[in-house]
Structure formats: structure tokens, C-alpha cells
Amino acid sequence: MQRSRKSAVASLLVVLSLATPAAAAKFDGDWNVQISSSSAACISGASVSIGISNGQVASNTSAVTASGHVAEAGAIRVTLASGIKRAVGSGTLTGTSGSGTWRAALCSGTWTAHRV
């Protein structure tokens, strides 16, 4: 019984790992992200270019390192880093746009994205 349960769990994990990137691939492409903050001490109006491939987020430039993933329904979690600065964002993508929130050590705000 124990071996059967382990086999079932392993099979489920394989199926999920194969299904998720293909389903999230509908968000693949280049995205332009606009960053906003209501605090005067924080960056606002900056633009970051990211790419999504098979549901995985990556940088399109060397100035900012981007990582994260997009789920099948469009939920996105992203980490952006530049030098020692780091911000974590989450939100939702639709076919050609998206929005969400971000936070860093001393700042937070919102973001919007548009497929390029």
C-alpha cells in the first residue's frame, strides 16, 4: 500500500509539472511593466522589460534580474533585483495586460503590465 501511494504521488507530480508550463505558456512573450509608488522616497514611473517563456519569468535586460512564474489562470509572482536592491511582486495577467502590487525593504506600490 505504501509503495502504491508513493507511485500515485510521483505520477501526479509528473503530470502537474508537465501541465503547468504548457498552460501558462499563453502568457509567453515580452512584457513592459510600469512601477508606481505613492511614497515620494520610492521609485515611481520606472519601466522594466521582462520576458515570459513557458510560464517562467526572466529578464530582458542586464540592468535588472527578474525571476518568477505565471500560473495557468494568470497569477504571477516575480522577484526583481538590481545590485543589492530587491522587490517582490504579485498580481494577475490577462491576455495582453496585468496589474498587481509590489514591496521592497522600505517601499511598496503597484504595477501594471502590457504585452509588447
PDB file of N, CA and C in Angstrom:
ATOM      1  N   MET A   1       0.826  -1.197   0.000  1.00  0.00           N
ATOM      2  CA  MET A   1       0.000   0.000   0.000  1.00  0.00           C
ATOM      3  C   MET A   1       0.867   1.256   0.000  1.00  0.00           C
ATOM      4  N   GLN A   2       1.916   1.275   0.806  1.00  0.00           N
ATOM      5  CA  GLN A   2       2.816   2.430   0.898  1.00  0.00           C
ATOM      6  C   GLN A   2       3.462   2.705  -0.455  1.00  0.00           C
ATOM      7  N   ARG A   3       3.918   1.641  -1.134  1.00  0.00           N
ATOM      8  CA  ARG A   3       4.559   1.811  -2.437  1.00  0.00           C
ATOM      9  C   ARG A   3       3.560   2.340  -3.465  1.00  0.00           C
ATOM     10  N   SER A   4       2.334   1.875  -3.416  1.00  0.00           N
ATOM     11  CA  SER A   4       1.295   2.324  -4.328  1.00  0.00           C
ATOM     12  C   SER A   4       1.001   3.809  -4.140  1.00  0.00           C
ATOM     13  N   ARG A   5       0.956   4.255  -2.904  1.00  0.00           N
ATOM     14  CA  ARG A   5       0.704   5.672  -2.606  1.00  0.00           C
ATOM     15  C   ARG A   5       1.851   6.535  -3.125  1.00  0.00           C
ATOM     16  N   LYS A   6       3.088   6.083  -2.924  1.00  0.00           N
ATOM     17  CA  LYS A   6       4.257   6.837  -3.413  1.00  0.00           C
ATOM     18  C   LYS A   6       4.237   6.929  -4.931  1.00  0.00           C
ATOM     19  N   SER A   7       3.862   5.837  -5.598  1.00  0.00           N
ATOM     20  CA  SER A   7       3.785   5.840  -7.058  1.00  0.00           C
ATOM     21  C   SER A   7       2.716   6.806  -7.541  1.00  0.00           C
ATOM     22  N   ALA A   8       1.572   6.824  -6.860  1.00  0.00           N
ATOM     23  CA  ALA A   8       0.490   7.731  -7.243  1.00  0.00           C
ATOM     24  C   ALA A   8       0.909   9.179  -7.073  1.00  0.00           C
ATOM     25  N   VAL A   9       1.582   9.496  -5.967  1.00  0.00           N
ATOM     26  CA  VAL A   9       2.039  10.866  -5.725  1.00  0.00           C
ATOM     27  C   VAL A   9       3.083  11.260  -6.770  1.00  0.00           C
ATOM     28  N   ALA A  10       4.014  10.370  -7.056  1.00  0.00           N
ATOM     29  CA  ALA A  10       5.043  10.655  -8.058  1.00  0.00           C
ATOM     30  C   ALA A  10       4.413  10.896  -9.428  1.00  0.00           C
ATOM     31  N   SER A  11       3.436  10.087  -9.790  1.00  0.00           N
ATOM     32  CA  SER A  11       2.749  10.258 -11.078  1.00  0.00           C
ATOM     33  C   SER A  11       2.023  11.590 -11.143  1.00  0.00           C
ATOM     34  N   LEU A  12       1.367  11.972 -10.062  1.00  0.00           N
ATOM     35  CA  LEU A  12       0.659  13.246 -10.010  1.00  0.00           C
ATOM     36  C   LEU A  12       1.628  14.415 -10.169  1.00  0.00           C
ATOM     37  N   LEU A  13       2.772  14.346  -9.495  1.00  0.00           N
ATOM     38  CA  LEU A  13       3.765  15.416  -9.609  1.00  0.00           C
ATOM     39  C   LEU A  13       4.294  15.542 -11.031  1.00  0.00           C
ATOM     40  N   VAL A  14       4.502  14.426 -11.708  1.00  0.00           N
ATOM     41  CA  VAL A  14       4.968  14.460 -13.098  1.00  0.00           C
ATOM     42  C   VAL A  14       3.916  15.114 -13.984  1.00  0.00           C
ATOM     43  N   VAL A  15       2.658  14.736 -13.826  1.00  0.00           N
ATOM     44  CA  VAL A  15       1.577  15.311 -14.626  1.00  0.00           C
ATOM     45  C   VAL A  15       1.470  16.807 -14.382  1.00  0.00           C
ATOM     46  N   LEU A  16       1.520  17.236 -13.124  1.00  0.00           N
ATOM     47  CA  LEU A  16       1.423  18.662 -12.813  1.00  0.00           C
ATOM     48  C   LEU A  16       2.607  19.442 -13.368  1.00  0.00           C
ATOM     49  N   SER A  17       3.797  18.874 -13.279  1.00  0.00           N
ATOM     50  CA  SER A  17       4.965  19.594 -13.787  1.00  0.00           C
ATOM     51  C   SER A  17       4.926  19.724 -15.293  1.00  0.00           C
ATOM     52  N   LEU A  18       4.316  18.768 -15.980  1.00  0.00           N
ATOM     53  CA  LEU A  18       4.196  18.860 -17.435  1.00  0.00           C
ATOM     54  C   LEU A  18       3.061  19.781 -17.853  1.00  0.00           C
ATOM     55  N   ALA A  19       1.983  19.824 -17.098  1.00  0.00           N
ATOM     56  CA  ALA A  19       0.804  20.593 -17.483  1.00  0.00           C
ATOM     57  C   ALA A  19       0.953  22.079 -17.212  1.00  0.00           C
ATOM     58  N   THR A  20       1.554  22.451 -16.120  1.00  0.00           N
ATOM     59  CA  THR A  20       1.591  23.854 -15.724  1.00  0.00           C
ATOM     60  C   THR A  20       2.319  24.750 -16.729  1.00  0.00           C
ATOM     61  N   PRO A  21       3.557  24.445 -17.158  1.00  0.00           N
ATOM     62  CA  PRO A  21       4.208  25.345 -18.107  1.00  0.00           C
ATOM     63  C   PRO A  21       3.449  25.479 -19.417  1.00  0.00           C
ATOM     64  N   ALA A  22       2.912  24.409 -19.940  1.00  0.00           N
ATOM     65  CA  ALA A  22       2.182  24.491 -21.209  1.00  0.00           C
ATOM     66  C   ALA A  22       0.947  25.368 -21.059  1.00  0.00           C
ATOM     67  N   ALA A  23       0.235  25.213 -19.951  1.00  0.00           N
ATOM     68  CA  ALA A  23      -0.966  26.017 -19.728  1.00  0.00           C
ATOM     69  C   ALA A  23      -0.602  27.481 -19.518  1.00  0.00           C
ATOM     70  N   ALA A  24       0.482  27.739 -18.812  1.00  0.00           N
ATOM     71  CA  ALA A  24       0.901  29.110 -18.551  1.00  0.00           C
ATOM     72  C   ALA A  24       1.563  29.748 -19.766  1.00  0.00           C
ATOM     73  N   ALA A  25       1.872  28.959 -20.786  1.00  0.00           N
ATOM     74  CA  ALA A  25       2.543  29.465 -21.983  1.00  0.00           C
ATOM     75  C   ALA A  25       1.710  30.510 -22.725  1.00  0.00           C
ATOM     76  N   LYS A  26       0.409  30.583 -22.457  1.00  0.00           N
ATOM     77  CA  LYS A  26      -0.412  31.585 -23.138  1.00  0.00           C
ATOM     78  C   LYS A  26      -0.011  33.006 -22.758  1.00  0.00           C
ATOM     79  N   PHE A  27       0.825  33.151 -21.727  1.00  0.00           N
ATOM     80  CA  PHE A  27       1.318  34.464 -21.324  1.00  0.00           C
ATOM     81  C   PHE A  27       2.742  34.714 -21.822  1.00  0.00           C
ATOM     82  N   ASP A  28       3.285  33.777 -22.596  1.00  0.00           N
ATOM     83  CA  ASP A  28       4.650  33.905 -23.109  1.00  0.00           C
ATOM     84  C   ASP A  28       4.795  35.145 -23.977  1.00  0.00           C
ATOM     85  N   GLY A  29       5.955  35.755 -23.892  1.00  0.00           N
ATOM     86  CA  GLY A  29       6.261  36.912 -24.719  1.00  0.00           C
ATOM     87  C   GLY A  29       6.953  37.984 -23.900  1.00  0.00           C
ATOM     88  N   ASP A  30       7.131  39.136 -24.522  1.00  0.00           N
ATOM     89  CA  ASP A  30       7.770  40.276 -23.867  1.00  0.00           C
ATOM     90  C   ASP A  30       6.707  41.168 -23.248  1.00  0.00           C
ATOM     91  N   TRP A  31       6.974  41.634 -22.037  1.00  0.00           N
ATOM     92  CA  TRP A  31       6.048  42.476 -21.289  1.00  0.00           C
ATOM     93  C   TRP A  31       6.773  43.718 -20.804  1.00  0.00           C
ATOM     94  N   ASN A  32       6.089  44.851 -20.856  1.00  0.00           N
ATOM     95  CA  ASN A  32       6.602  46.106 -20.319  1.00  0.00           C
ATOM     96  C   ASN A  32       5.846  46.378 -19.010  1.00  0.00           C
ATOM     97  N   VAL A  33       6.585  46.531 -17.919  1.00  0.00           N
ATOM     98  CA  VAL A  33       5.994  46.714 -16.598  1.00  0.00           C
ATOM     99  C   VAL A  33       6.266  48.133 -16.107  1.00  0.00           C
ATOM    100  N   GLN A  34       5.212  48.855 -15.741  1.00  0.00           N
ATOM    101  CA  GLN A  34       5.314  50.198 -15.185  1.00  0.00           C
ATOM    102  C   GLN A  34       5.159  50.100 -13.668  1.00  0.00           C
ATOM    103  N   ILE A  35       6.102  50.686 -12.932  1.00  0.00           N
ATOM    104  CA  ILE A  35       6.113  50.605 -11.471  1.00  0.00           C
ATOM    105  C   ILE A  35       5.696  51.943 -10.884  1.00  0.00           C
ATOM    106  N   SER A  36       4.785  51.904  -9.910  1.00  0.00           N
ATOM    107  CA  SER A  36       4.297  53.120  -9.250  1.00  0.00           C
ATOM    108  C   SER A  36       4.366  52.964  -7.743  1.00  0.00           C
ATOM    109  N   SER A  37       4.561  54.100  -7.054  1.00  0.00           N
ATOM    110  CA  SER A  37       4.531  54.141  -5.601  1.00  0.00           C
ATOM    111  C   SER A  37       3.973  55.484  -5.178  1.00  0.00           C
ATOM    112  N   SER A  38       3.229  55.498  -4.091  1.00  0.00           N
ATOM    113  CA  SER A  38       2.672  56.763  -3.596  1.00  0.00           C
ATOM    114  C   SER A  38       3.637  57.484  -2.661  1.00  0.00           C
ATOM    115  N   SER A  39       4.741  56.840  -2.323  1.00  0.00           N
ATOM    116  CA  SER A  39       5.727  57.450  -1.444  1.00  0.00           C
ATOM    117  C   SER A  39       6.757  58.232  -2.263  1.00  0.00           C
ATOM    118  N   ALA A  40       7.026  59.454  -1.853  1.00  0.00           N
ATOM    119  CA  ALA A  40       7.997  60.298  -2.566  1.00  0.00           C
ATOM    120  C   ALA A  40       9.416  59.745  -2.469  1.00  0.00           C
ATOM    121  N   ALA A  41       9.696  58.947  -1.437  1.00  0.00           N
ATOM    122  CA  ALA A  41      11.027  58.394  -1.249  1.00  0.00           C
ATOM    123  C   ALA A  41      11.288  57.161  -2.112  1.00  0.00           C
ATOM    124  N   CYS A  42      10.255  56.663  -2.762  1.00  0.00           N
ATOM    125  CA  CYS A  42      10.380  55.430  -3.543  1.00  0.00           C
ATOM    126  C   CYS A  42      10.319  55.712  -5.039  1.00  0.00           C
ATOM    127  N   ILE A  43      10.836  54.770  -5.804  1.00  0.00           N
ATOM    128  CA  ILE A  43      10.797  54.874  -7.263  1.00  0.00           C
ATOM    129  C   ILE A  43       9.353  54.825  -7.747  1.00  0.00           C
ATOM    130  N   SER A  44       9.010  55.717  -8.647  1.00  0.00           N
ATOM    131  CA  SER A  44       7.698  55.690  -9.271  1.00  0.00           C
ATOM    132  C   SER A  44       7.861  56.083 -10.728  1.00  0.00           C
ATOM    133  N   GLY A  45       7.161  55.407 -11.599  1.00  0.00           N
ATOM    134  CA  GLY A  45       7.248  55.723 -13.015  1.00  0.00           C
ATOM    135  C   GLY A  45       8.326  54.962 -13.752  1.00  0.00           C
ATOM    136  N   ALA A  46       9.045  54.091 -13.071  1.00  0.00           N
ATOM    137  CA  ALA A  46      10.078  53.303 -13.737  1.00  0.00           C
ATOM    138  C   ALA A  46       9.420  52.247 -14.623  1.00  0.00           C
ATOM    139  N   SER A  47      10.131  51.834 -15.643  1.00  0.00           N
ATOM    140  CA  SER A  47       9.650  50.817 -16.558  1.00  0.00           C
ATOM    141  C   SER A  47      10.667  49.678 -16.603  1.00  0.00           C
ATOM    142  N   VAL A  48      10.181  48.453 -16.552  1.00  0.00           N
ATOM    143  CA  VAL A  48      11.047  47.277 -16.587  1.00  0.00           C
ATOM    144  C   VAL A  48      10.532  46.345 -17.678  1.00  0.00           C
ATOM    145  N   SER A  49      11.434  45.812 -18.469  1.00  0.00           N
ATOM    146  CA  SER A  49      11.083  44.875 -19.518  1.00  0.00           C
ATOM    147  C   SER A  49      11.382  43.454 -19.038  1.00  0.00           C
ATOM    148  N   ILE A  50      10.367  42.579 -19.089  1.00  0.00           N
ATOM    149  CA  ILE A  50      10.567  41.185 -18.713  1.00  0.00           C
ATOM    150  C   ILE A  50      10.085  40.291 -19.849  1.00  0.00           C
ATOM    151  N   GLY A  51      10.538  39.073 -19.815  1.00  0.00           N
ATOM    152  CA  GLY A  51      10.080  38.076 -20.771  1.00  0.00           C
ATOM    153  C   GLY A  51       9.504  36.888 -20.037  1.00  0.00           C
ATOM    154  N   ILE A  52       8.518  36.262 -20.634  1.00  0.00           N
ATOM    155  CA  ILE A  52       7.926  35.058 -20.066  1.00  0.00           C
ATOM    156  C   ILE A  52       8.034  33.957 -21.109  1.00  0.00           C
ATOM    157  N   SER A  53       8.567  32.816 -20.691  1.00  0.00           N
ATOM    158  CA  SER A  53       8.713  31.670 -21.578  1.00  0.00           C
ATOM    159  C   SER A  53       8.287  30.411 -20.823  1.00  0.00           C
ATOM    160  N   ASN A  54       7.305  29.714 -21.343  1.00  0.00           N
ATOM    161  CA  ASN A  54       6.755  28.522 -20.686  1.00  0.00           C
ATOM    162  C   ASN A  54       6.360  28.802 -19.239  1.00  0.00           C
ATOM    163  N   GLY A  55       5.840  29.993 -19.002  1.00  0.00           N
ATOM    164  CA  GLY A  55       5.380  30.361 -17.676  1.00  0.00           C
ATOM    165  C   GLY A  55       6.462  30.828 -16.732  1.00  0.00           C
ATOM    166  N   GLN A  56       7.724  30.857 -17.183  1.00  0.00           N
ATOM    167  CA  GLN A  56       8.834  31.297 -16.341  1.00  0.00           C
ATOM    168  C   GLN A  56       9.228  32.725 -16.702  1.00  0.00           C
ATOM    169  N   VAL A  57       9.417  33.555 -15.677  1.00  0.00           N
ATOM    170  CA  VAL A  57       9.774  34.963 -15.863  1.00  0.00           C
ATOM    171  C   VAL A  57      11.288  35.097 -15.900  1.00  0.00           C
ATOM    172  N   ALA A  58      11.783  35.919 -16.821  1.00  0.00           N
ATOM    173  CA  ALA A  58      13.216  36.189 -16.935  1.00  0.00           C
ATOM    174  C   ALA A  58      13.425  37.640 -17.338  1.00  0.00           C
ATOM    175  N   SER A  59      14.639  38.121 -17.162  1.00  0.00           N
ATOM    176  CA  SER A  59      14.989  39.492 -17.513  1.00  0.00           C
ATOM    177  C   SER A  59      15.159  39.633 -19.016  1.00  0.00           C
ATOM    178  N   ASN A  60      14.812  40.814 -19.517  1.00  0.00           N
ATOM    179  CA  ASN A  60      15.098  41.154 -20.907  1.00  0.00           C
ATOM    180  C   ASN A  60      16.282  42.111 -20.997  1.00  0.00           C
ATOM    181  N   THR A  61      16.767  42.580 -19.852  1.00  0.00           N
ATOM    182  CA  THR A  61      17.909  43.488 -19.823  1.00  0.00           C
ATOM    183  C   THR A  61      18.885  43.033 -18.747  1.00  0.00           C
ATOM    184  N   SER A  62      20.105  43.515 -18.833  1.00  0.00           N
ATOM    185  CA  SER A  62      21.101  43.158 -17.822  1.00  0.00           C
ATOM    186  C   SER A  62      21.020  44.062 -16.590  1.00  0.00           C
ATOM    187  N   ALA A  63      20.294  45.162 -16.677  1.00  0.00           N
ATOM    188  CA  ALA A  63      20.204  46.103 -15.551  1.00  0.00           C
ATOM    189  C   ALA A  63      19.385  45.551 -14.392  1.00  0.00           C
ATOM    190  N   VAL A  64      18.396  44.708 -14.697  1.00  0.00           N
ATOM    191  CA  VAL A  64      17.512  44.149 -13.671  1.00  0.00           C
ATOM    192  C   VAL A  64      17.411  42.649 -13.867  1.00  0.00           C
ATOM    193  N   THR A  65      17.572  41.904 -12.795  1.00  0.00           N
ATOM    194  CA  THR A  65      17.384  40.457 -12.843  1.00  0.00           C
ATOM    195  C   THR A  65      15.962  40.150 -12.424  1.00  0.00           C
ATOM    196  N   ALA A  66      15.232  39.434 -13.262  1.00  0.00           N
ATOM    197  CA  ALA A  66      13.848  39.065 -12.963  1.00  0.00           C
ATOM    198  C   ALA A  66      13.730  37.552 -12.900  1.00  0.00           C
ATOM    199  N   SER A  67      12.941  37.082 -11.949  1.00  0.00           N
ATOM    200  CA  SER A  67      12.653  35.653 -11.858  1.00  0.00           C
ATOM    201  C   SER A  67      11.247  35.485 -11.305  1.00  0.00           C
ATOM    202  N   GLY A  68      10.653  34.349 -11.570  1.00  0.00           N
ATOM    203  CA  GLY A  68       9.317  34.082 -11.075  1.00  0.00           C
ATOM    204  C   GLY A  68       8.568  33.167 -12.005  1.00  0.00           C
ATOM    205  N   HIS A  69       7.249  33.082 -11.795  1.00  0.00           N
ATOM    206  CA  HIS A  69       6.437  32.198 -12.620  1.00  0.00           C
ATOM    207  C   HIS A  69       5.004  32.707 -12.736  1.00  0.00           C
ATOM    208  N   VAL A  70       4.358  32.237 -13.796  1.00  0.00           N
ATOM    209  CA  VAL A  70       2.961  32.560 -14.060  1.00  0.00           C
ATOM    210  C   VAL A  70       2.165  31.266 -14.000  1.00  0.00           C
ATOM    211  N   ALA A  71       1.090  31.264 -13.237  1.00  0.00           N
ATOM    212  CA  ALA A  71       0.227  30.091 -13.139  1.00  0.00           C
ATOM    213  C   ALA A  71      -0.757  30.064 -14.310  1.00  0.00           C
ATOM    214  N   GLU A  72      -1.421  28.960 -14.469  1.00  0.00           N
ATOM    215  CA  GLU A  72      -2.347  28.744 -15.581  1.00  0.00           C
ATOM    216  C   GLU A  72      -3.418  29.837 -15.692  1.00  0.00           C
ATOM    217  N   ALA A  73      -3.948  30.278 -14.566  1.00  0.00           N
ATOM    218  CA  ALA A  73      -5.023  31.283 -14.579  1.00  0.00           C
ATOM    219  C   ALA A  73      -4.492  32.711 -14.682  1.00  0.00           C
ATOM    220  N   GLY A  74      -3.167  32.883 -14.711  1.00  0.00           N
ATOM    221  CA  GLY A  74      -2.590  34.209 -14.860  1.00  0.00           C
ATOM    222  C   GLY A  74      -2.000  34.807 -13.598  1.00  0.00           C
ATOM    223  N   ALA A  75      -2.100  34.119 -12.466  1.00  0.00           N
ATOM    224  CA  ALA A  75      -1.468  34.628 -11.242  1.00  0.00           C
ATOM    225  C   ALA A  75       0.034  34.634 -11.447  1.00  0.00           C
ATOM    226  N   ILE A  76       0.665  35.749 -11.103  1.00  0.00           N
ATOM    227  CA  ILE A  76       2.102  35.885 -11.316  1.00  0.00           C
ATOM    228  C   ILE A  76       2.789  36.296 -10.023  1.00  0.00           C
ATOM    229  N   ARG A  77       3.966  35.713  -9.789  1.00  0.00           N
ATOM    230  CA  ARG A  77       4.835  36.094  -8.671  1.00  0.00           C
ATOM    231  C   ARG A  77       6.199  36.368  -9.269  1.00  0.00           C
ATOM    232  N   VAL A  78       6.762  37.523  -8.953  1.00  0.00           N
ATOM    233  CA  VAL A  78       8.014  37.961  -9.566  1.00  0.00           C
ATOM    234  C   VAL A  78       8.936  38.546  -8.511  1.00  0.00           C
ATOM    235  N   THR A  79      10.227  38.306  -8.682  1.00  0.00           N
ATOM    236  CA  THR A  79      11.248  38.964  -7.889  1.00  0.00           C
ATOM    237  C   THR A  79      12.141  39.738  -8.850  1.00  0.00           C
ATOM    238  N   LEU A  80      12.321  41.028  -8.583  1.00  0.00           N
ATOM    239  CA  LEU A  80      13.223  41.871  -9.368  1.00  0.00           C
ATOM    240  C   LEU A  80      14.397  42.264  -8.477  1.00  0.00           C
ATOM    241  N   ALA A  81      15.596  42.222  -9.033  1.00  0.00           N
ATOM    242  CA  ALA A  81      16.787  42.597  -8.268  1.00  0.00           C
ATOM    243  C   ALA A  81      17.709  43.429  -9.145  1.00  0.00           C
ATOM    244  N   SER A  82      18.316  44.435  -8.528  1.00  0.00           N
ATOM    245  CA  SER A  82      19.307  45.275  -9.186  1.00  0.00           C
ATOM    246  C   SER A  82      20.350  45.627  -8.129  1.00  0.00           C
ATOM    247  N   GLY A  83      21.523  45.045  -8.251  1.00  0.00           N
ATOM    248  CA  GLY A  83      22.531  45.238  -7.211  1.00  0.00           C
ATOM    249  C   GLY A  83      22.026  44.650  -5.904  1.00  0.00           C
ATOM    250  N   ILE A  84      22.034  45.456  -4.834  1.00  0.00           N
ATOM    251  CA  ILE A  84      21.555  44.965  -3.543  1.00  0.00           C
ATOM    252  C   ILE A  84      20.068  45.240  -3.324  1.00  0.00           C
ATOM    253  N   LYS A  85      19.442  45.953  -4.250  1.00  0.00           N
ATOM    254  CA  LYS A  85      18.013  46.246  -4.136  1.00  0.00           C
ATOM    255  C   LYS A  85      17.191  45.076  -4.661  1.00  0.00           C
ATOM    256  N   ARG A  86      16.090  44.793  -3.963  1.00  0.00           N
ATOM    257  CA  ARG A  86      15.241  43.666  -4.341  1.00  0.00           C
ATOM    258  C   ARG A  86      13.789  44.010  -4.066  1.00  0.00           C
ATOM    259  N   ALA A  87      12.901  43.624  -4.983  1.00  0.00           N
ATOM    260  CA  ALA A  87      11.463  43.830  -4.812  1.00  0.00           C
ATOM    261  C   ALA A  87      10.730  42.555  -5.215  1.00  0.00           C
ATOM    262  N   VAL A  88       9.639  42.297  -4.510  1.00  0.00           N
ATOM    263  CA  VAL A  88       8.813  41.124  -4.786  1.00  0.00           C
ATOM    264  C   VAL A  88       7.437  41.614  -5.184  1.00  0.00           C
ATOM    265  N   GLY A  89       6.910  41.069  -6.275  1.00  0.00           N
ATOM    266  CA  GLY A  89       5.596  41.481  -6.747  1.00  0.00           C
ATOM    267  C   GLY A  89       4.689  40.299  -7.001  1.00  0.00           C
ATOM    268  N   SER A  90       3.405  40.573  -6.964  1.00  0.00           N
ATOM    269  CA  SER A  90       2.414  39.558  -7.303  1.00  0.00           C
ATOM    270  C   SER A  90       1.221  40.248  -7.941  1.00  0.00           C
ATOM    271  N   GLY A  91       0.457  39.482  -8.680  1.00  0.00           N
ATOM    272  CA  GLY A  91      -0.709  40.046  -9.338  1.00  0.00           C
ATOM    273  C   GLY A  91      -1.288  39.058 -10.322  1.00  0.00           C
ATOM    274  N   THR A  92      -1.962  39.599 -11.336  1.00  0.00           N
ATOM    275  CA  THR A  92      -2.636  38.772 -12.323  1.00  0.00           C
ATOM    276  C   THR A  92      -2.399  39.307 -13.727  1.00  0.00           C
ATOM    277  N   LEU A  93      -2.116  38.400 -14.642  1.00  0.00           N
ATOM    278  CA  LEU A  93      -2.012  38.737 -16.057  1.00  0.00           C
ATOM    279  C   LEU A  93      -3.260  38.251 -16.767  1.00  0.00           C
ATOM    280  N   THR A  94      -3.678  39.016 -17.777  1.00  0.00           N
ATOM    281  CA  THR A  94      -4.726  38.563 -18.685  1.00  0.00           C
ATOM    282  C   THR A  94      -4.064  38.395 -20.041  1.00  0.00           C
ATOM    283  N   GLY A  95      -4.796  38.355 -21.109  1.00  0.00           N
ATOM    284  CA  GLY A  95      -4.208  38.149 -22.424  1.00  0.00           C
ATOM    285  C   GLY A  95      -3.120  39.133 -22.793  1.00  0.00           C
ATOM    286  N   THR A  96      -3.362  40.428 -22.596  1.00  0.00           N
ATOM    287  CA  THR A  96      -2.392  41.436 -23.033  1.00  0.00           C
ATOM    288  C   THR A  96      -2.037  42.465 -21.965  1.00  0.00           C
ATOM    289  N   SER A  97      -2.555  42.308 -20.755  1.00  0.00           N
ATOM    290  CA  SER A  97      -2.254  43.269 -19.699  1.00  0.00           C
ATOM    291  C   SER A  97      -2.260  42.581 -18.340  1.00  0.00           C
ATOM    292  N   GLY A  98      -1.871  43.332 -17.328  1.00  0.00           N
ATOM    293  CA  GLY A  98      -1.867  42.786 -15.978  1.00  0.00           C
ATOM    294  C   GLY A  98      -1.656  43.888 -14.963  1.00  0.00           C
ATOM    295  N   SER A  99      -1.844  43.546 -13.698  1.00  0.00           N
ATOM    296  CA  SER A  99      -1.627  44.513 -12.623  1.00  0.00           C
ATOM    297  C   SER A  99      -1.421  43.763 -11.318  1.00  0.00           C
ATOM    298  N   GLY A 100      -0.876  44.489 -10.340  1.00  0.00           N
ATOM    299  CA  GLY A 100      -0.653  43.883  -9.040  1.00  0.00           C
ATOM    300  C   GLY A 100       0.040  44.834  -8.098  1.00  0.00           C
ATOM    301  N   THR A 101       0.629  44.269  -7.069  1.00  0.00           N
ATOM    302  CA  THR A 101       1.332  45.055  -6.055  1.00  0.00           C
ATOM    303  C   THR A 101       2.768  44.565  -5.936  1.00  0.00           C
ATOM    304  N   TRP A 102       3.611  45.414  -5.363  1.00  0.00           N
ATOM    305  CA  TRP A 102       4.994  45.050  -5.110  1.00  0.00           C
ATOM    306  C   TRP A 102       5.413  45.612  -3.759  1.00  0.00           C
ATOM    307  N   ARG A 103       6.474  45.013  -3.208  1.00  0.00           N
ATOM    308  CA  ARG A 103       7.036  45.515  -1.959  1.00  0.00           C
ATOM    309  C   ARG A 103       8.542  45.294  -1.952  1.00  0.00           C
ATOM    310  N   ALA A 104       9.210  46.192  -1.283  1.00  0.00           N
ATOM    311  CA  ALA A 104      10.659  46.107  -1.094  1.00  0.00           C
ATOM    312  C   ALA A 104      10.939  46.426   0.372  1.00  0.00           C
ATOM    313  N   ALA A 105      12.203  46.571   0.730  1.00  0.00           N
ATOM    314  CA  ALA A 105      12.571  46.786   2.133  1.00  0.00           C
ATOM    315  C   ALA A 105      11.877  48.004   2.731  1.00  0.00           C
ATOM    316  N   LEU A 106      11.893  49.133   2.035  1.00  0.00           N
ATOM    317  CA  LEU A 106      11.327  50.364   2.587  1.00  0.00           C
ATOM    318  C   LEU A 106      10.210  50.958   1.739  1.00  0.00           C
ATOM    319  N   CYS A 107       9.852  50.290   0.676  1.00  0.00           N
ATOM    320  CA  CYS A 107       8.871  50.836  -0.257  1.00  0.00           C
ATOM    321  C   CYS A 107       7.859  49.783  -0.669  1.00  0.00           C
ATOM    322  N   SER A 108       6.768  50.265  -1.222  1.00  0.00           N
ATOM    323  CA  SER A 108       5.770  49.370  -1.802  1.00  0.00           C
ATOM    324  C   SER A 108       4.964  50.177  -2.809  1.00  0.00           C
ATOM    325  N   GLY A 109       4.183  49.478  -3.599  1.00  0.00           N
ATOM    326  CA  GLY A 109       3.370  50.176  -4.580  1.00  0.00           C
ATOM    327  C   GLY A 109       2.611  49.221  -5.467  1.00  0.00           C
ATOM    328  N   THR A 110       2.272  49.705  -6.645  1.00  0.00           N
ATOM    329  CA  THR A 110       1.525  48.922  -7.601  1.00  0.00           C
ATOM    330  C   THR A 110       2.291  48.825  -8.907  1.00  0.00           C
ATOM    331  N   TRP A 111       1.880  47.917  -9.778  1.00  0.00           N
ATOM    332  CA  TRP A 111       2.466  47.798 -11.102  1.00  0.00           C
ATOM    333  C   TRP A 111       1.367  47.473 -12.101  1.00  0.00           C
ATOM    334  N   THR A 112       1.617  47.867 -13.328  1.00  0.00           N
ATOM    335  CA  THR A 112       0.766  47.484 -14.448  1.00  0.00           C
ATOM    336  C   THR A 112       1.677  46.950 -15.544  1.00  0.00           C
ATOM    337  N   ALA A 113       1.161  46.053 -16.347  1.00  0.00           N
ATOM    338  CA  ALA A 113       1.969  45.455 -17.400  1.00  0.00           C
ATOM    339  C   ALA A 113       1.174  45.373 -18.690  1.00  0.00           C
ATOM    340  N   HIS A 114       1.888  45.478 -19.798  1.00  0.00           N
ATOM    341  CA  HIS A 114       1.284  45.343 -21.130  1.00  0.00           C
ATOM    342  C   HIS A 114       2.201  44.495 -21.975  1.00  0.00           C
ATOM    343  N   ARG A 115       1.600  43.550 -22.704  1.00  0.00           N
ATOM    344  CA  ARG A 115       2.394  42.718 -23.607  1.00  0.00           C
ATOM    345  C   ARG A 115       2.884  43.589 -24.753  1.00  0.00           C
ATOM    346  N   VAL A 116       4.136  43.433 -25.095  1.00  0.00           N
ATOM    347  CA  VAL A 116       4.747  44.224 -26.161  1.00  0.00           C
ATOM    348  C   VAL A 116       4.479  43.586 -27.499  1.00  0.00           C
TER     349      VAL A 116
END
